[in-house]
Amino acid sequence: MTGVDVKVEAVVEIAKAAGVAIMEVYEREYEIIEKADGSPVTTADHRAHDIIVAQLRVLTPEILIVSEESKDIDDSERLKADRVWMVDPLDGTKEFIRRNGEFTVNIGLADQGRPILGVVYCPSSGVSYFAAQGQGAWRQSGSAAPEPIQVSAYDPEQPRMVASRSHAGEAVTAFRHALAAKSGSDPAIVSMGSALKVCVVAEGNADVYPRLAPTSEWDTCASHCVLNEAGGRLVDCNGTELSYNRENILNPWFVAMADPDVDWLEFCPPQKR
């Protein structure tokens, strides 16, 4: 099955519905639970998950849904599926808990491993980024008309780099130092949480985002599609584009880049095992 026969606008509305539930929790006291891997989860994660799953099942009953908060994923069934929804109901739970507004709802659709539709919605700002294969990438603020976005050309004298607010670390510092040494200028750093980091590259406000720390497929599928349609690339440190619905749902280290003609991978340190 190829092509995008799902209306991206319908998926944007699902993300916004989840965002309403998230903000209802955000504005009051809530319980924080620690998952088995040590990461936090809140009532908002679960409520958003329930809304997204219910509405996607109505929209596309034939497509399997893989969500970060799913408790009953059958890997054998998942790996046989050509198309899979990759959902993070609340990406950036740490940012949610810190109340800095840098959290998103991520809904991505993968077809035979390739991201073909993506919606990244920021409930605190009302801004959504969305894309579908062959239809361009878009940014919409509230109810305003969507505007097309695209990556920007690289100016080596003024490098701009995105870094994770919660997951930077030594490898990213090494990347930044290598980039500074090559360009002769210390890159301007934008620190941010959640899938917004990839979207900053997609809309032309940064040149590169090295994610040299663990992520899962539901963290990247939606924003990966947005970046592709905006003219950028998202690849591992060997230059291979990330794919989805793999046996191991954890992503390798990756680099989200605006200008694919720049050799960003030369700045990547070896990945720790």
C-alpha atoms as a PDB file:
ATOM      1  CA  MET A   1       0.000   0.000   0.000  1.00  0.00           C
ATOM      2  CA  THR A   2       1.492   3.315  -1.029  1.00  0.00           C
ATOM      3  CA  GLY A   3       0.384   6.925  -1.100  1.00  0.00           C
ATOM      4  CA  VAL A   4      -1.347   8.929   1.618  1.00  0.00           C
ATOM      5  CA  ASP A   5      -5.078   8.303   1.705  1.00  0.00           C
ATOM      6  CA  VAL A   6      -5.550   9.688   5.216  1.00  0.00           C
ATOM      7  CA  LYS A   7      -6.444  13.374   5.513  1.00  0.00           C
ATOM      8  CA  VAL A   8      -3.756  15.022   7.613  1.00  0.00           C
ATOM      9  CA  GLU A   9      -6.250  17.695   8.727  1.00  0.00           C
ATOM     10  CA  ALA A  10      -8.336  14.988  10.430  1.00  0.00           C
ATOM     11  CA  VAL A  11      -5.271  13.843  12.368  1.00  0.00           C
ATOM     12  CA  VAL A  12      -4.536  17.444  13.405  1.00  0.00           C
ATOM     13  CA  GLU A  13      -8.000  17.601  14.955  1.00  0.00           C
ATOM     14  CA  ILE A  14      -7.335  14.385  16.873  1.00  0.00           C
ATOM     15  CA  ALA A  15      -4.075  15.844  18.221  1.00  0.00           C
ATOM     16  CA  LYS A  16      -5.906  19.016  19.269  1.00  0.00           C
ATOM     17  CA  ALA A  17      -8.563  17.000  21.097  1.00  0.00           C
ATOM     18  CA  ALA A  18      -5.815  15.235  23.021  1.00  0.00           C
ATOM     19  CA  GLY A  19      -4.257  18.635  23.700  1.00  0.00           C
ATOM     20  CA  VAL A  20      -7.445  19.873  25.369  1.00  0.00           C
ATOM     21  CA  ALA A  21      -7.314  16.943  27.804  1.00  0.00           C
ATOM     22  CA  ILE A  22      -3.613  17.539  28.449  1.00  0.00           C
ATOM     23  CA  MET A  23      -4.152  21.210  29.304  1.00  0.00           C
ATOM     24  CA  GLU A  24      -6.998  20.366  31.678  1.00  0.00           C
ATOM     25  CA  VAL A  25      -4.525  18.293  33.689  1.00  0.00           C
ATOM     26  CA  TYR A  26      -1.680  20.806  33.218  1.00  0.00           C
ATOM     27  CA  GLU A  27      -3.658  23.535  34.945  1.00  0.00           C
ATOM     28  CA  ARG A  28      -4.243  21.610  38.161  1.00  0.00           C
ATOM     29  CA  GLU A  29      -2.491  19.191  40.506  1.00  0.00           C
ATOM     30  CA  TYR A  30      -1.848  15.698  39.129  1.00  0.00           C
ATOM     31  CA  GLU A  31      -0.153  12.443  40.046  1.00  0.00           C
ATOM     32  CA  ILE A  32       3.296  11.592  38.666  1.00  0.00           C
ATOM     33  CA  ILE A  33       4.106   7.895  38.308  1.00  0.00           C
ATOM     34  CA  GLU A  34       7.528   6.431  37.542  1.00  0.00           C
ATOM     35  CA  LYS A  35       7.507   3.768  34.826  1.00  0.00           C
ATOM     36  CA  ALA A  36       9.707   0.687  34.849  1.00  0.00           C
ATOM     37  CA  ASP A  37      12.390   2.462  32.821  1.00  0.00           C
ATOM     38  CA  GLY A  38      12.477   5.346  35.298  1.00  0.00           C
ATOM     39  CA  SER A  39      10.691   7.823  33.033  1.00  0.00           C
ATOM     40  CA  PRO A  40       7.711   9.748  34.404  1.00  0.00           C
ATOM     41  CA  VAL A  41       4.094   9.427  33.282  1.00  0.00           C
ATOM     42  CA  THR A  42       1.070  11.485  34.336  1.00  0.00           C
ATOM     43  CA  THR A  43      -2.706  11.394  34.117  1.00  0.00           C
ATOM     44  CA  ALA A  44      -2.375  13.612  31.053  1.00  0.00           C
ATOM     45  CA  ASP A  45      -0.364  10.942  29.172  1.00  0.00           C
ATOM     46  CA  HIS A  46      -3.097   8.367  29.755  1.00  0.00           C
ATOM     47  CA  ARG A  47      -6.007  10.644  28.914  1.00  0.00           C
ATOM     48  CA  ALA A  48      -4.372  11.799  25.694  1.00  0.00           C
ATOM     49  CA  HIS A  49      -3.599   8.187  24.769  1.00  0.00           C
ATOM     50  CA  ASP A  50      -7.223   7.124  25.245  1.00  0.00           C
ATOM     51  CA  ILE A  51      -8.530   9.989  23.087  1.00  0.00           C
ATOM     52  CA  ILE A  52      -6.043   9.447  20.271  1.00  0.00           C
ATOM     53  CA  VAL A  53      -6.502   5.673  20.133  1.00  0.00           C
ATOM     54  CA  ALA A  54     -10.303   5.917  20.162  1.00  0.00           C
ATOM     55  CA  GLN A  55     -10.409   8.514  17.389  1.00  0.00           C
ATOM     56  CA  LEU A  56      -7.753   6.857  15.202  1.00  0.00           C
ATOM     57  CA  ARG A  57      -9.696   3.592  15.402  1.00  0.00           C
ATOM     58  CA  VAL A  58     -12.716   5.405  13.990  1.00  0.00           C
ATOM     59  CA  LEU A  59     -10.658   7.198  11.324  1.00  0.00           C
ATOM     60  CA  THR A  60      -8.578   4.183  10.218  1.00  0.00           C
ATOM     61  CA  PRO A  61      -9.883   0.976  11.832  1.00  0.00           C
ATOM     62  CA  GLU A  62      -7.602  -1.127   9.619  1.00  0.00           C
ATOM     63  CA  ILE A  63      -4.321   0.461  10.788  1.00  0.00           C
ATOM     64  CA  LEU A  64      -2.490  -0.792  13.875  1.00  0.00           C
ATOM     65  CA  ILE A  65      -1.742   1.790  16.582  1.00  0.00           C
ATOM     66  CA  VAL A  66       1.527   1.733  18.519  1.00  0.00           C
ATOM     67  CA  SER A  67       1.525   4.244  21.375  1.00  0.00           C
ATOM     68  CA  GLU A  68       4.081   4.871  24.087  1.00  0.00           C
ATOM     69  CA  GLU A  69       1.332   4.206  26.604  1.00  0.00           C
ATOM     70  CA  SER A  70       0.070   1.007  24.939  1.00  0.00           C
ATOM     71  CA  LYS A  71       0.078  -1.937  27.311  1.00  0.00           C
ATOM     72  CA  ASP A  72      -0.852  -4.724  24.908  1.00  0.00           C
ATOM     73  CA  ILE A  73       1.350  -4.365  21.828  1.00  0.00           C
ATOM     74  CA  ASP A  74       1.797  -7.730  20.099  1.00  0.00           C
ATOM     75  CA  ASP A  75       5.202  -7.520  18.417  1.00  0.00           C
ATOM     76  CA  SER A  76       4.445 -10.400  16.056  1.00  0.00           C
ATOM     77  CA  GLU A  77       1.314  -8.626  14.836  1.00  0.00           C
ATOM     78  CA  ARG A  78       3.079  -5.254  14.703  1.00  0.00           C
ATOM     79  CA  LEU A  79       6.000  -6.513  12.624  1.00  0.00           C
ATOM     80  CA  LYS A  80       3.645  -7.998  10.012  1.00  0.00           C
ATOM     81  CA  ALA A  81       1.790  -4.709   9.525  1.00  0.00           C
ATOM     82  CA  ASP A  82       2.610  -2.580   6.460  1.00  0.00           C
ATOM     83  CA  ARG A  83       1.141   0.572   7.998  1.00  0.00           C
ATOM     84  CA  VAL A  84       1.412   1.575  11.641  1.00  0.00           C
ATOM     85  CA  TRP A  85       0.435   4.661  13.616  1.00  0.00           C
ATOM     86  CA  MET A  86       3.296   5.744  15.883  1.00  0.00           C
ATOM     87  CA  VAL A  87       1.881   7.805  18.744  1.00  0.00           C
ATOM     88  CA  ASP A  88       3.403   9.673  21.649  1.00  0.00           C
ATOM     89  CA  PRO A  89       0.371  11.095  23.461  1.00  0.00           C
ATOM     90  CA  LEU A  90       2.549  13.454  25.519  1.00  0.00           C
ATOM     91  CA  ASP A  91       6.096  13.903  24.287  1.00  0.00           C
ATOM     92  CA  GLY A  92       8.170  15.829  26.790  1.00  0.00           C
ATOM     93  CA  THR A  93       6.579  14.675  30.035  1.00  0.00           C
ATOM     94  CA  LYS A  94       9.532  16.148  31.929  1.00  0.00           C
ATOM     95  CA  GLU A  95       8.823  19.528  30.325  1.00  0.00           C
ATOM     96  CA  PHE A  96       5.145  19.106  31.204  1.00  0.00           C
ATOM     97  CA  ILE A  97       6.064  18.476  34.841  1.00  0.00           C
ATOM     98  CA  ARG A  98       8.380  21.510  34.819  1.00  0.00           C
ATOM     99  CA  ARG A  99       5.512  23.573  33.351  1.00  0.00           C
ATOM    100  CA  ASN A 100       7.632  25.188  30.642  1.00  0.00           C
ATOM    101  CA  GLY A 101       5.144  24.489  27.847  1.00  0.00           C
ATOM    102  CA  GLU A 102       7.606  22.544  25.661  1.00  0.00           C
ATOM    103  CA  PHE A 103       5.609  19.349  25.236  1.00  0.00           C
ATOM    104  CA  THR A 104       3.758  17.969  22.244  1.00  0.00           C
ATOM    105  CA  VAL A 105       1.280  15.436  20.934  1.00  0.00           C
ATOM    106  CA  ASN A 106       2.960  13.335  18.221  1.00  0.00           C
ATOM    107  CA  ILE A 107       0.970  11.270  15.717  1.00  0.00           C
ATOM    108  CA  GLY A 108       2.925   9.723  12.840  1.00  0.00           C
ATOM    109  CA  LEU A 109       1.965   7.212  10.180  1.00  0.00           C
ATOM    110  CA  ALA A 110       4.592   4.851   8.771  1.00  0.00           C
ATOM    111  CA  ASP A 111       4.130   2.845   5.580  1.00  0.00           C
ATOM    112  CA  GLN A 112       6.598  -0.013   5.074  1.00  0.00           C
ATOM    113  CA  GLY A 113       8.985   1.732   7.446  1.00  0.00           C
ATOM    114  CA  ARG A 114       8.812   5.210   5.920  1.00  0.00           C
ATOM    115  CA  PRO A 115       7.088   8.142   7.663  1.00  0.00           C
ATOM    116  CA  ILE A 116       4.327   9.330   5.304  1.00  0.00           C
ATOM    117  CA  LEU A 117       2.215  11.533   7.588  1.00  0.00           C
ATOM    118  CA  GLY A 118       3.045  13.475  10.726  1.00  0.00           C
ATOM    119  CA  VAL A 119       1.366  15.820  13.177  1.00  0.00           C
ATOM    120  CA  VAL A 120       3.187  17.541  16.037  1.00  0.00           C
ATOM    121  CA  TYR A 121       0.886  19.677  18.172  1.00  0.00           C
ATOM    122  CA  CYS A 122       1.956  21.904  21.074  1.00  0.00           C
ATOM    123  CA  PRO A 123      -1.070  22.272  23.394  1.00  0.00           C
ATOM    124  CA  SER A 124       0.388  25.137  25.445  1.00  0.00           C
ATOM    125  CA  SER A 125       0.887  27.413  22.414  1.00  0.00           C
ATOM    126  CA  GLY A 126      -1.773  26.054  20.081  1.00  0.00           C
ATOM    127  CA  VAL A 127       0.812  25.649  17.312  1.00  0.00           C
ATOM    128  CA  SER A 128       0.718  22.580  15.090  1.00  0.00           C
ATOM    129  CA  TYR A 129       3.204  21.291  12.547  1.00  0.00           C
ATOM    130  CA  PHE A 130       1.951  18.791  10.017  1.00  0.00           C
ATOM    131  CA  ALA A 131       2.894  17.111   6.769  1.00  0.00           C
ATOM    132  CA  ALA A 132       1.981  14.299   4.426  1.00  0.00           C
ATOM    133  CA  GLN A 133       4.181  12.732   1.799  1.00  0.00           C
ATOM    134  CA  GLY A 134       4.169  14.812  -1.362  1.00  0.00           C
ATOM    135  CA  GLN A 135       2.009  17.553   0.214  1.00  0.00           C
ATOM    136  CA  GLY A 136       4.623  19.769   1.851  1.00  0.00           C
ATOM    137  CA  ALA A 137       5.107  20.775   5.481  1.00  0.00           C
ATOM    138  CA  TRP A 138       2.944  23.288   7.305  1.00  0.00           C
ATOM    139  CA  ARG A 139       2.754  25.320  10.492  1.00  0.00           C
ATOM    140  CA  GLN A 140      -0.541  26.527  11.934  1.00  0.00           C
ATOM    141  CA  SER A 141      -1.002  28.828  14.919  1.00  0.00           C
ATOM    142  CA  GLY A 142      -4.400  28.354  16.538  1.00  0.00           C
ATOM    143  CA  SER A 143      -7.181  28.853  14.009  1.00  0.00           C
ATOM    144  CA  ALA A 144      -5.048  30.957  11.622  1.00  0.00           C
ATOM    145  CA  ALA A 145      -4.481  29.710   8.089  1.00  0.00           C
ATOM    146  CA  PRO A 146      -1.679  27.132   7.796  1.00  0.00           C
ATOM    147  CA  GLU A 147       1.582  28.442   6.363  1.00  0.00           C
ATOM    148  CA  PRO A 148       4.113  26.370   4.411  1.00  0.00           C
ATOM    149  CA  ILE A 149       7.496  25.844   6.052  1.00  0.00           C
ATOM    150  CA  GLN A 150      10.863  24.820   4.677  1.00  0.00           C
ATOM    151  CA  VAL A 151      14.413  24.401   5.889  1.00  0.00           C
ATOM    152  CA  SER A 152      16.932  27.195   5.424  1.00  0.00           C
ATOM    153  CA  ALA A 153      20.307  27.227   3.686  1.00  0.00           C
ATOM    154  CA  TYR A 154      23.346  26.836   5.917  1.00  0.00           C
ATOM    155  CA  ASP A 155      25.577  29.811   6.687  1.00  0.00           C
ATOM    156  CA  PRO A 156      28.852  28.312   7.993  1.00  0.00           C
ATOM    157  CA  GLU A 157      29.770  31.609   9.620  1.00  0.00           C
ATOM    158  CA  GLN A 158      26.634  31.513  11.780  1.00  0.00           C
ATOM    159  CA  PRO A 159      25.833  27.894  12.651  1.00  0.00           C
ATOM    160  CA  ARG A 160      22.606  27.287  14.597  1.00  0.00           C
ATOM    161  CA  MET A 161      22.164  24.116  16.598  1.00  0.00           C
ATOM    162  CA  VAL A 162      19.252  22.696  18.584  1.00  0.00           C
ATOM    163  CA  ALA A 163      19.942  20.817  21.808  1.00  0.00           C
ATOM    164  CA  SER A 164      17.642  18.854  24.077  1.00  0.00           C
ATOM    165  CA  ARG A 165      16.719  20.663  27.265  1.00  0.00           C
ATOM    166  CA  SER A 166      16.617  17.401  29.245  1.00  0.00           C
ATOM    167  CA  HIS A 167      18.972  15.077  27.329  1.00  0.00           C
ATOM    168  CA  ALA A 168      22.127  16.901  26.198  1.00  0.00           C
ATOM    169  CA  GLY A 169      25.233  15.150  27.553  1.00  0.00           C
ATOM    170  CA  GLU A 170      28.865  14.747  26.581  1.00  0.00           C
ATOM    171  CA  ALA A 171      28.231  13.501  23.035  1.00  0.00           C
ATOM    172  CA  VAL A 172      26.234  16.618  22.103  1.00  0.00           C
ATOM    173  CA  THR A 173      28.925  18.809  23.654  1.00  0.00           C
ATOM    174  CA  ALA A 174      31.525  17.016  21.526  1.00  0.00           C
ATOM    175  CA  PHE A 175      29.355  17.573  18.423  1.00  0.00           C
ATOM    176  CA  ARG A 176      29.070  21.281  19.217  1.00  0.00           C
ATOM    177  CA  HIS A 177      32.817  21.659  19.757  1.00  0.00           C
ATOM    178  CA  ALA A 178      33.591  19.858  16.470  1.00  0.00           C
ATOM    179  CA  LEU A 179      31.104  22.064  14.620  1.00  0.00           C
ATOM    180  CA  ALA A 180      32.615  25.191  16.176  1.00  0.00           C
ATOM    181  CA  ALA A 181      36.140  24.103  15.225  1.00  0.00           C
ATOM    182  CA  LYS A 182      35.109  23.488  11.604  1.00  0.00           C
ATOM    183  CA  SER A 183      33.082  26.674  11.179  1.00  0.00           C
ATOM    184  CA  GLY A 184      35.326  28.929  13.250  1.00  0.00           C
ATOM    185  CA  SER A 185      32.278  30.142  15.132  1.00  0.00           C
ATOM    186  CA  ASP A 186      30.579  28.757  18.228  1.00  0.00           C
ATOM    187  CA  PRO A 187      27.070  27.744  17.161  1.00  0.00           C
ATOM    188  CA  ALA A 188      24.051  29.547  18.535  1.00  0.00           C
ATOM    189  CA  ILE A 189      22.208  27.042  20.733  1.00  0.00           C
ATOM    190  CA  VAL A 190      18.443  26.672  20.966  1.00  0.00           C
ATOM    191  CA  SER A 191      17.499  24.477  23.941  1.00  0.00           C
ATOM    192  CA  MET A 192      14.063  22.936  23.770  1.00  0.00           C
ATOM    193  CA  GLY A 193      12.021  19.899  24.753  1.00  0.00           C
ATOM    194  CA  SER A 194      10.025  17.287  22.819  1.00  0.00           C
ATOM    195  CA  ALA A 195       9.565  16.926  19.045  1.00  0.00           C
ATOM    196  CA  LEU A 196       9.585  20.709  18.747  1.00  0.00           C
ATOM    197  CA  LYS A 197      13.362  20.430  18.274  1.00  0.00           C
ATOM    198  CA  VAL A 198      13.011  18.752  14.890  1.00  0.00           C
ATOM    199  CA  CYS A 199      10.268  21.211  13.933  1.00  0.00           C
ATOM    200  CA  VAL A 200      12.593  24.154  14.668  1.00  0.00           C
ATOM    201  CA  VAL A 201      14.929  22.753  12.003  1.00  0.00           C
ATOM    202  CA  ALA A 202      12.021  22.109   9.625  1.00  0.00           C
ATOM    203  CA  GLU A 203      10.751  25.689   9.827  1.00  0.00           C
ATOM    204  CA  GLY A 204      14.181  27.170   9.078  1.00  0.00           C
ATOM    205  CA  ASN A 205      15.118  28.432  12.546  1.00  0.00           C
ATOM    206  CA  ALA A 206      18.068  26.060  13.083  1.00  0.00           C
ATOM    207  CA  ASP A 207      20.540  24.130  10.965  1.00  0.00           C
ATOM    208  CA  VAL A 208      20.984  20.893  12.854  1.00  0.00           C
ATOM    209  CA  TYR A 209      19.714  18.893  15.810  1.00  0.00           C
ATOM    210  CA  PRO A 210      21.985  16.045  16.938  1.00  0.00           C
ATOM    211  CA  ARG A 211      20.071  13.604  19.132  1.00  0.00           C
ATOM    212  CA  LEU A 212      22.880  11.576  20.660  1.00  0.00           C
ATOM    213  CA  ALA A 213      20.800   9.915  23.354  1.00  0.00           C
ATOM    214  CA  PRO A 214      18.032   7.290  23.439  1.00  0.00           C
ATOM    215  CA  THR A 215      14.648   7.848  21.768  1.00  0.00           C
ATOM    216  CA  SER A 216      11.859   5.582  20.551  1.00  0.00           C
ATOM    217  CA  GLU A 217      10.068   5.432  17.222  1.00  0.00           C
ATOM    218  CA  TRP A 218       6.996   7.252  18.547  1.00  0.00           C
ATOM    219  CA  ASP A 219       9.238  10.185  19.507  1.00  0.00           C
ATOM    220  CA  THR A 220      10.376  10.817  15.929  1.00  0.00           C
ATOM    221  CA  CYS A 221       7.975   9.410  13.324  1.00  0.00           C
ATOM    222  CA  ALA A 222       5.695  12.475  13.137  1.00  0.00           C
ATOM    223  CA  SER A 223       8.402  15.152  13.167  1.00  0.00           C
ATOM    224  CA  HIS A 224      10.532  13.092  10.757  1.00  0.00           C
ATOM    225  CA  CYS A 225       7.770  13.373   8.152  1.00  0.00           C
ATOM    226  CA  VAL A 226       7.495  17.117   8.767  1.00  0.00           C
ATOM    227  CA  LEU A 227      11.252  17.538   8.293  1.00  0.00           C
ATOM    228  CA  ASN A 228      11.308  15.423   5.125  1.00  0.00           C
ATOM    229  CA  GLU A 229       8.513  17.459   3.548  1.00  0.00           C
ATOM    230  CA  ALA A 230      10.258  20.705   4.566  1.00  0.00           C
ATOM    231  CA  GLY A 231      13.355  19.650   2.625  1.00  0.00           C
ATOM    232  CA  GLY A 232      15.537  18.273   5.418  1.00  0.00           C
ATOM    233  CA  ARG A 233      16.697  14.818   6.433  1.00  0.00           C
ATOM    234  CA  LEU A 234      16.766  12.719   9.588  1.00  0.00           C
ATOM    235  CA  VAL A 235      19.476  10.054   9.546  1.00  0.00           C
ATOM    236  CA  ASP A 236      21.518   7.950  11.918  1.00  0.00           C
ATOM    237  CA  CYS A 237      25.210   8.647  12.402  1.00  0.00           C
ATOM    238  CA  ASN A 238      26.023   6.352   9.459  1.00  0.00           C
ATOM    239  CA  GLY A 239      23.837   8.399   7.123  1.00  0.00           C
ATOM    240  CA  THR A 240      20.954   5.905   6.966  1.00  0.00           C
ATOM    241  CA  GLU A 241      17.474   7.386   7.200  1.00  0.00           C
ATOM    242  CA  LEU A 242      15.552   6.259  10.259  1.00  0.00           C
ATOM    243  CA  SER A 243      12.854   3.685   9.546  1.00  0.00           C
ATOM    244  CA  TYR A 244       9.844   2.632  11.596  1.00  0.00           C
ATOM    245  CA  ASN A 245       8.133  -0.467  12.938  1.00  0.00           C
ATOM    246  CA  ARG A 246      11.467  -2.202  13.373  1.00  0.00           C
ATOM    247  CA  GLU A 247      11.975  -5.174  15.659  1.00  0.00           C
ATOM    248  CA  ASN A 248      13.842  -2.888  18.086  1.00  0.00           C
ATOM    249  CA  ILE A 249      11.611   0.128  18.644  1.00  0.00           C
ATOM    250  CA  LEU A 250      14.502   2.146  20.093  1.00  0.00           C
ATOM    251  CA  ASN A 251      16.129   4.559  17.653  1.00  0.00           C
ATOM    252  CA  PRO A 252      19.881   4.809  17.109  1.00  0.00           C
ATOM    253  CA  TRP A 253      21.527   8.184  17.616  1.00  0.00           C
ATOM    254  CA  PHE A 254      20.429  10.504  14.842  1.00  0.00           C
ATOM    255  CA  VAL A 255      20.948  13.923  13.294  1.00  0.00           C
ATOM    256  CA  ALA A 256      18.084  16.091  12.020  1.00  0.00           C
ATOM    257  CA  MET A 257      19.546  18.375   9.358  1.00  0.00           C
ATOM    258  CA  ALA A 258      18.306  21.305   7.318  1.00  0.00           C
ATOM    259  CA  ASP A 259      20.874  21.321   4.513  1.00  0.00           C
ATOM    260  CA  PRO A 260      21.556  17.740   3.353  1.00  0.00           C
ATOM    261  CA  ASP A 261      24.598  18.914   1.353  1.00  0.00           C
ATOM    262  CA  VAL A 262      26.520  19.689   4.558  1.00  0.00           C
ATOM    263  CA  ASP A 263      28.464  16.753   6.052  1.00  0.00           C
ATOM    264  CA  TRP A 264      26.926  17.006   9.513  1.00  0.00           C
ATOM    265  CA  LEU A 265      27.854  13.426  10.348  1.00  0.00           C
ATOM    266  CA  GLU A 266      31.555  14.271  10.574  1.00  0.00           C
ATOM    267  CA  PHE A 267      30.777  15.936  13.908  1.00  0.00           C
ATOM    268  CA  CYS A 268      29.194  12.811  15.459  1.00  0.00           C
ATOM    269  CA  PRO A 269      31.284  11.046  18.113  1.00  0.00           C
ATOM    270  CA  PRO A 270      31.136   7.220  18.266  1.00  0.00           C
ATOM    271  CA  GLN A 271      27.867   5.972  19.759  1.00  0.00           C
ATOM    272  CA  LYS A 272      28.252   4.412  23.185  1.00  0.00           C
ATOM    273  CA  ARG A 273      26.842   0.927  23.569  1.00  0.00           C
END
